[in-house]
C-alpha atoms as a PDB file:
ATOM      1  CA  MET A   1      50.911 128.209  52.480  1.00  0.00           C
ATOM      2  CA  LYS A   2      53.165 127.136  55.347  1.00  0.00           C
ATOM      3  CA  ALA A   3      51.544 129.583  57.765  1.00  0.00           C
ATOM      4  CA  ARG A   4      48.090 128.323  56.819  1.00  0.00           C
ATOM      5  CA  LEU A   5      48.944 124.633  57.072  1.00  0.00           C
ATOM      6  CA  PHE A   6      50.929 124.683  60.273  1.00  0.00           C
ATOM      7  CA  GLY A   7      49.206 127.300  62.380  1.00  0.00           C
ATOM      8  CA  LYS A   8      46.908 126.724  65.344  1.00  0.00           C
ATOM      9  CA  THR A   9      44.943 123.472  65.008  1.00  0.00           C
ATOM     10  CA  LEU A  10      41.653 122.070  66.305  1.00  0.00           C
ATOM     11  CA  SER A  11      41.091 118.992  68.432  1.00  0.00           C
ATOM     12  CA  LEU A  12      39.523 115.849  66.962  1.00  0.00           C
ATOM     13  CA  LYS A  13      36.101 116.471  68.477  1.00  0.00           C
ATOM     14  CA  PRO A  14      33.198 114.529  66.895  1.00  0.00           C
ATOM     15  CA  GLY A  15      31.253 117.724  66.179  1.00  0.00           C
ATOM     16  CA  LEU A  16      34.175 119.291  64.340  1.00  0.00           C
ATOM     17  CA  LEU A  17      34.799 116.123  62.333  1.00  0.00           C
ATOM     18  CA  ARG A  18      31.128 115.955  61.354  1.00  0.00           C
ATOM     19  CA  ALA A  19      31.362 119.577  60.227  1.00  0.00           C
ATOM     20  CA  SER A  20      34.385 118.644  58.102  1.00  0.00           C
ATOM     21  CA  TYR A  21      32.368 115.823  56.536  1.00  0.00           C
ATOM     22  CA  ARG A  22      29.531 118.225  55.683  1.00  0.00           C
ATOM     23  CA  GLN A  23      32.072 120.592  54.126  1.00  0.00           C
ATOM     24  CA  PHE A  24      33.524 117.717  52.118  1.00  0.00           C
ATOM     25  CA  ILE A  25      30.214 116.663  50.563  1.00  0.00           C
ATOM     26  CA  GLN A  26      29.423 120.298  49.685  1.00  0.00           C
ATOM     27  CA  SER A  27      32.871 121.350  48.508  1.00  0.00           C
ATOM     28  CA  GLU A  28      33.818 121.962  44.896  1.00  0.00           C
ATOM     29  CA  SER A  29      37.486 122.542  45.746  1.00  0.00           C
ATOM     30  CA  HIS A  30      40.315 120.462  44.307  1.00  0.00           C
ATOM     31  CA  GLU A  31      41.224 117.400  46.364  1.00  0.00           C
ATOM     32  CA  VAL A  32      44.640 118.883  47.206  1.00  0.00           C
ATOM     33  CA  GLU A  33      42.910 121.919  48.723  1.00  0.00           C
ATOM     34  CA  ILE A  34      40.570 119.702  50.751  1.00  0.00           C
ATOM     35  CA  TYR A  35      43.499 117.652  52.065  1.00  0.00           C
ATOM     36  CA  ALA A  36      45.426 120.839  52.879  1.00  0.00           C
ATOM     37  CA  ASP A  37      42.386 122.252  54.697  1.00  0.00           C
ATOM     38  CA  TRP A  38      42.236 119.162  56.926  1.00  0.00           C
ATOM     39  CA  ILE A  39      45.925 119.572  57.730  1.00  0.00           C
ATOM     40  CA  ALA A  40      45.394 123.254  58.486  1.00  0.00           C
ATOM     41  CA  SER A  41      42.420 122.460  60.731  1.00  0.00           C
ATOM     42  CA  TYR A  42      43.648 119.418  62.634  1.00  0.00           C
ATOM     43  CA  GLY A  43      47.416 119.285  62.172  1.00  0.00           C
ATOM     44  CA  TYR A  44      49.510 117.237  59.745  1.00  0.00           C
ATOM     45  CA  GLN A  45      49.928 114.439  62.328  1.00  0.00           C
ATOM     46  CA  ARG A  46      46.163 113.773  62.202  1.00  0.00           C
ATOM     47  CA  ARG A  47      45.609 113.889  58.448  1.00  0.00           C
ATOM     48  CA  LEU A  48      45.260 110.109  58.114  1.00  0.00           C
ATOM     49  CA  VAL A  49      42.765 109.883  60.979  1.00  0.00           C
ATOM     50  CA  VAL A  50      40.635 112.634  59.441  1.00  0.00           C
ATOM     51  CA  LEU A  51      40.562 110.920  56.052  1.00  0.00           C
ATOM     52  CA  ASP A  52      39.585 107.620  57.714  1.00  0.00           C
ATOM     53  CA  PHE A  53      36.725 109.438  59.471  1.00  0.00           C
ATOM     54  CA  ILE A  54      35.533 111.057  56.226  1.00  0.00           C
ATOM     55  CA  GLU A  55      35.612 107.681  54.451  1.00  0.00           C
ATOM     56  CA  GLY A  56      33.685 105.963  57.246  1.00  0.00           C
ATOM     57  CA  SER A  57      31.122 108.770  57.359  1.00  0.00           C
ATOM     58  CA  LEU A  58      30.595 108.659  53.603  1.00  0.00           C
ATOM     59  CA  LEU A  59      30.057 104.895  53.550  1.00  0.00           C
ATOM     60  CA  THR A  60      27.639 105.149  56.501  1.00  0.00           C
ATOM     61  CA  ASP A  61      25.797 108.021  54.815  1.00  0.00           C
ATOM     62  CA  ILE A  62      25.354 106.021  51.613  1.00  0.00           C
ATOM     63  CA  ASP A  63      23.535 103.251  53.505  1.00  0.00           C
ATOM     64  CA  ALA A  64      21.450 105.600  55.663  1.00  0.00           C
ATOM     65  CA  ASN A  65      17.692 105.900  55.203  1.00  0.00           C
ATOM     66  CA  ASP A  66      17.970 109.696  55.257  1.00  0.00           C
ATOM     67  CA  ALA A  67      21.094 109.959  53.122  1.00  0.00           C
ATOM     68  CA  SER A  68      22.592 113.401  52.543  1.00  0.00           C
ATOM     69  CA  CYS A  69      22.940 113.019  48.770  1.00  0.00           C
ATOM     70  CA  SER A  70      21.506 111.278  45.727  1.00  0.00           C
ATOM     71  CA  ARG A  71      23.094 108.114  44.321  1.00  0.00           C
ATOM     72  CA  LEU A  72      24.612 110.156  41.506  1.00  0.00           C
ATOM     73  CA  GLU A  73      26.140 112.618  43.962  1.00  0.00           C
ATOM     74  CA  PHE A  74      27.473 109.771  46.088  1.00  0.00           C
ATOM     75  CA  GLY A  75      29.129 108.333  42.985  1.00  0.00           C
ATOM     76  CA  GLN A  76      30.939 111.618  42.435  1.00  0.00           C
ATOM     77  CA  LEU A  77      31.935 111.788  46.115  1.00  0.00           C
ATOM     78  CA  LEU A  78      33.313 108.249  45.996  1.00  0.00           C
ATOM     79  CA  ARG A  79      35.488 109.243  43.046  1.00  0.00           C
ATOM     80  CA  ARG A  80      36.734 112.233  45.031  1.00  0.00           C
ATOM     81  CA  LEU A  81      37.404 109.988  48.023  1.00  0.00           C
ATOM     82  CA  THR A  82      39.451 107.700  45.779  1.00  0.00           C
ATOM     83  CA  GLN A  83      41.545 110.704  44.732  1.00  0.00           C
ATOM     84  CA  LEU A  84      42.055 111.693  48.365  1.00  0.00           C
ATOM     85  CA  LYS A  85      43.146 108.165  49.285  1.00  0.00           C
ATOM     86  CA  MET A  86      45.537 108.225  46.329  1.00  0.00           C
ATOM     87  CA  LEU A  87      46.868 111.545  47.622  1.00  0.00           C
ATOM     88  CA  ARG A  88      47.369 110.016  51.068  1.00  0.00           C
ATOM     89  CA  SER A  89      49.337 107.110  49.577  1.00  0.00           C
ATOM     90  CA  ALA A  90      51.438 109.475  47.464  1.00  0.00           C
ATOM     91  CA  ASP A  91      52.093 111.688  50.476  1.00  0.00           C
ATOM     92  CA  LEU A  92      53.280 108.776  52.636  1.00  0.00           C
ATOM     93  CA  LEU A  93      55.514 107.377  49.883  1.00  0.00           C
ATOM     94  CA  PHE A  94      56.994 110.785  49.013  1.00  0.00           C
ATOM     95  CA  VAL A  95      57.828 111.721  52.600  1.00  0.00           C
ATOM     96  CA  SER A  96      59.020 108.303  53.790  1.00  0.00           C
ATOM     97  CA  THR A  97      61.256 107.789  50.730  1.00  0.00           C
ATOM     98  CA  LEU A  98      62.966 111.157  51.081  1.00  0.00           C
ATOM     99  CA  LEU A  99      63.467 110.748  54.832  1.00  0.00           C
ATOM    100  CA  SER A 100      64.964 107.290  54.342  1.00  0.00           C
ATOM    101  CA  TYR A 101      68.148 108.952  53.011  1.00  0.00           C
ATOM    102  CA  SER A 102      70.520 110.288  55.635  1.00  0.00           C
ATOM    103  CA  PHE A 103      71.693 113.262  53.550  1.00  0.00           C
ATOM    104  CA  THR A 104      68.083 114.286  52.864  1.00  0.00           C
ATOM    105  CA  LYS A 105      67.364 114.207  56.587  1.00  0.00           C
ATOM    106  CA  ALA A 106      70.475 116.320  57.074  1.00  0.00           C
ATOM    107  CA  PHE A 107      68.868 119.020  54.895  1.00  0.00           C
ATOM    108  CA  ASN A 108      65.576 118.888  56.737  1.00  0.00           C
ATOM    109  CA  ALA A 109      64.378 116.088  59.012  1.00  0.00           C
ATOM    110  CA  GLU A 110      60.844 117.472  59.442  1.00  0.00           C
ATOM    111  CA  GLU A 111      58.037 115.369  57.952  1.00  0.00           C
ATOM    112  CA  SER A 112      55.878 118.498  57.786  1.00  0.00           C
ATOM    113  CA  SER A 113      58.400 120.288  55.545  1.00  0.00           C
ATOM    114  CA  TRP A 114      58.492 117.556  52.898  1.00  0.00           C
ATOM    115  CA  LEU A 115      54.691 117.209  53.063  1.00  0.00           C
ATOM    116  CA  LEU A 116      54.376 120.943  52.461  1.00  0.00           C
ATOM    117  CA  LEU A 117      56.761 120.624  49.523  1.00  0.00           C
ATOM    118  CA  MET A 118      54.720 117.883  47.881  1.00  0.00           C
ATOM    119  CA  LEU A 119      51.409 119.728  48.277  1.00  0.00           C
ATOM    120  CA  SER A 120      53.016 122.908  46.937  1.00  0.00           C
ATOM    121  CA  LEU A 121      54.422 121.079  43.902  1.00  0.00           C
ATOM    122  CA  LEU A 122      50.975 119.715  43.043  1.00  0.00           C
ATOM    123  CA  GLN A 123      49.729 123.308  42.879  1.00  0.00           C
ATOM    124  CA  GLN A 124      52.835 125.218  41.757  1.00  0.00           C
ATOM    125  CA  PRO A 125      55.249 122.835  39.990  1.00  0.00           C
ATOM    126  CA  HIS A 126      56.742 125.713  38.022  1.00  0.00           C
ATOM    127  CA  GLU A 127      58.145 127.080  41.293  1.00  0.00           C
ATOM    128  CA  VAL A 128      60.196 123.951  42.003  1.00  0.00           C
ATOM    129  CA  ASP A 129      63.472 125.924  42.319  1.00  0.00           C
ATOM    130  CA  SER A 130      62.201 128.260  45.023  1.00  0.00           C
ATOM    131  CA  LEU A 131      60.149 125.560  46.752  1.00  0.00           C
ATOM    132  CA  LEU A 132      63.213 123.335  47.090  1.00  0.00           C
ATOM    133  CA  ALA A 133      65.271 126.277  48.311  1.00  0.00           C
ATOM    134  CA  ASP A 134      62.696 126.946  51.042  1.00  0.00           C
ATOM    135  CA  ILE A 135      63.005 123.359  52.301  1.00  0.00           C
ATOM    136  CA  ILE A 136      66.749 122.825  51.963  1.00  0.00           C
ATOM    137  CA  GLY A 137      67.838 126.400  52.618  1.00  0.00           C
ATOM    138  CA  LEU A 138      71.482 127.138  53.301  1.00  0.00           C
ATOM    139  CA  ASN A 139      72.246 123.432  53.694  1.00  0.00           C
ATOM    140  CA  ALA A 140      72.379 123.224  49.901  1.00  0.00           C
ATOM    141  CA  LEU A 141      75.501 125.379  49.944  1.00  0.00           C
ATOM    142  CA  LEU A 142      77.327 122.665  51.897  1.00  0.00           C
ATOM    143  CA  LEU A 143      76.697 120.016  49.235  1.00  0.00           C
ATOM    144  CA  SER A 144      79.314 118.804  46.832  1.00  0.00           C
ATOM    145  CA  HIS A 145      78.201 118.744  43.204  1.00  0.00           C
ATOM    146  CA  LYS A 146      78.055 114.934  43.417  1.00  0.00           C
ATOM    147  CA  GLU A 147      75.734 115.072  46.434  1.00  0.00           C
ATOM    148  CA  HIS A 148      73.604 117.698  44.705  1.00  0.00           C
ATOM    149  CA  ALA A 149      73.231 115.508  41.611  1.00  0.00           C
ATOM    150  CA  SER A 150      72.442 112.440  43.758  1.00  0.00           C
ATOM    151  CA  PHE A 151      69.741 114.304  45.656  1.00  0.00           C
ATOM    152  CA  LEU A 152      68.127 115.573  42.455  1.00  0.00           C
ATOM    153  CA  GLN A 153      68.067 112.043  41.005  1.00  0.00           C
ATOM    154  CA  ILE A 154      66.259 110.757  44.100  1.00  0.00           C
ATOM    155  CA  PHE A 155      63.908 113.728  44.098  1.00  0.00           C
ATOM    156  CA  TYR A 156      63.128 113.144  40.426  1.00  0.00           C
ATOM    157  CA  GLN A 157      62.118 109.556  41.175  1.00  0.00           C
ATOM    158  CA  VAL A 158      59.786 110.457  44.051  1.00  0.00           C
ATOM    159  CA  CYS A 159      58.117 113.150  41.922  1.00  0.00           C
ATOM    160  CA  LYS A 160      57.740 110.686  39.051  1.00  0.00           C
ATOM    161  CA  ALA A 161      55.971 108.277  41.433  1.00  0.00           C
ATOM    162  CA  ILE A 162      53.209 110.818  42.170  1.00  0.00           C
ATOM    163  CA  PRO A 163      50.101 109.988  40.076  1.00  0.00           C
ATOM    164  CA  SER A 164      49.685 112.691  37.440  1.00  0.00           C
ATOM    165  CA  SER A 165      45.967 112.965  38.226  1.00  0.00           C
ATOM    166  CA  LEU A 166      46.830 114.550  41.590  1.00  0.00           C
ATOM    167  CA  PHE A 167      48.299 117.648  39.940  1.00  0.00           C
ATOM    168  CA  TYR A 168      45.924 120.518  39.251  1.00  0.00           C
ATOM    169  CA  GLU A 169      46.654 119.872  35.577  1.00  0.00           C
ATOM    170  CA  GLU A 170      47.901 116.401  34.653  1.00  0.00           C
ATOM    171  CA  TYR A 171      50.482 117.712  32.162  1.00  0.00           C
ATOM    172  CA  TRP A 172      52.123 119.673  34.996  1.00  0.00           C
ATOM    173  CA  GLN A 173      53.855 116.533  36.201  1.00  0.00           C
ATOM    174  CA  GLU A 174      55.771 116.160  32.933  1.00  0.00           C
ATOM    175  CA  GLU A 175      56.741 119.829  33.070  1.00  0.00           C
ATOM    176  CA  LEU A 176      58.001 119.299  36.625  1.00  0.00           C
ATOM    177  CA  LEU A 177      60.018 116.252  35.567  1.00  0.00           C
ATOM    178  CA  MET A 178      61.493 118.165  32.634  1.00  0.00           C
ATOM    179  CA  ALA A 179      62.609 120.926  34.991  1.00  0.00           C
ATOM    180  CA  LEU A 180      64.159 118.375  37.362  1.00  0.00           C
ATOM    181  CA  ARG A 181      65.973 116.639  34.482  1.00  0.00           C
ATOM    182  CA  SER A 182      67.426 119.986  33.457  1.00  0.00           C
ATOM    183  CA  MET A 183      68.520 120.726  37.038  1.00  0.00           C
ATOM    184  CA  THR A 184      70.074 117.248  37.312  1.00  0.00           C
ATOM    185  CA  ASP A 185      71.962 117.681  34.022  1.00  0.00           C
ATOM    186  CA  ILE A 186      73.432 120.977  35.259  1.00  0.00           C
ATOM    187  CA  ALA A 187      74.438 119.400  38.578  1.00  0.00           C
ATOM    188  CA  TYR A 188      76.007 116.458  36.741  1.00  0.00           C
ATOM    189  CA  LYS A 189      78.056 118.798  34.521  1.00  0.00           C
ATOM    190  CA  HIS A 190      79.298 120.612  37.619  1.00  0.00           C
ATOM    191  CA  GLU A 191      80.171 117.238  39.169  1.00  0.00           C
ATOM    192  CA  MET A 192      82.208 116.242  36.088  1.00  0.00           C
ATOM    193  CA  ALA A 193      83.988 119.606  36.112  1.00  0.00           C
ATOM    194  CA  GLU A 194      84.770 119.178  39.816  1.00  0.00           C
ATOM    195  CA  GLN A 195      86.220 115.715  39.161  1.00  0.00           C
ATOM    196  CA  ARG A 196      88.399 117.057  36.330  1.00  0.00           C
ATOM    197  CA  ARG A 197      89.746 119.810  38.553  1.00  0.00           C
ATOM    198  CA  THR A 198      90.578 117.234  41.231  1.00  0.00           C
ATOM    199  CA  ILE A 199      92.427 115.031  38.713  1.00  0.00           C
ATOM    200  CA  GLU A 200      94.289 117.957  37.156  1.00  0.00           C
ATOM    201  CA  LYS A 201      95.251 119.498  40.502  1.00  0.00           C
ATOM    202  CA  PRO A 202      99.048 119.259  40.934  1.00  0.00           C
ATOM    203  CA  SER A 203     100.151 117.029  43.787  1.00  0.00           C
END
């Protein structure tokens, strides 16, 4: 997914944006896939601009004399647009919250990496262990058990803040949170064991 999202990108030319709008109104893909396609096409830095363009185009199209769709179809597209705007809000909150912590930035300070993680979790929450490892990498080995537990608590909260409707299956969010609670419990037990060893260590 990383190679697809962060490969060569297109410029924000009006013709290309109009083509993206036509693809949007014809697409049956999940909203996460549509959002990821825009990132792949135009770059993650431009994802908000592209969504603003799609929204403006849809509202203009609705009022046009030669509208592209029926009223019923526009109703469905407006619901999809609402989901995409919700995804944008969740994306901004997820990334900005994680990067507001200095130790999280020490793992990985790249906005694109945390964005990739969130989009991947919406599609593959059962792979949370490996997805986190891809983002944090060897930096995780430098963490104390206390820091590990603290990070997982923060990560749990940002995942809990994602609307469940953005996951491919809504119940996936609860499964993700259960997995994170289990990981946090293990980290906490290691932290307690580390504290006991420190206390019991002869001076």
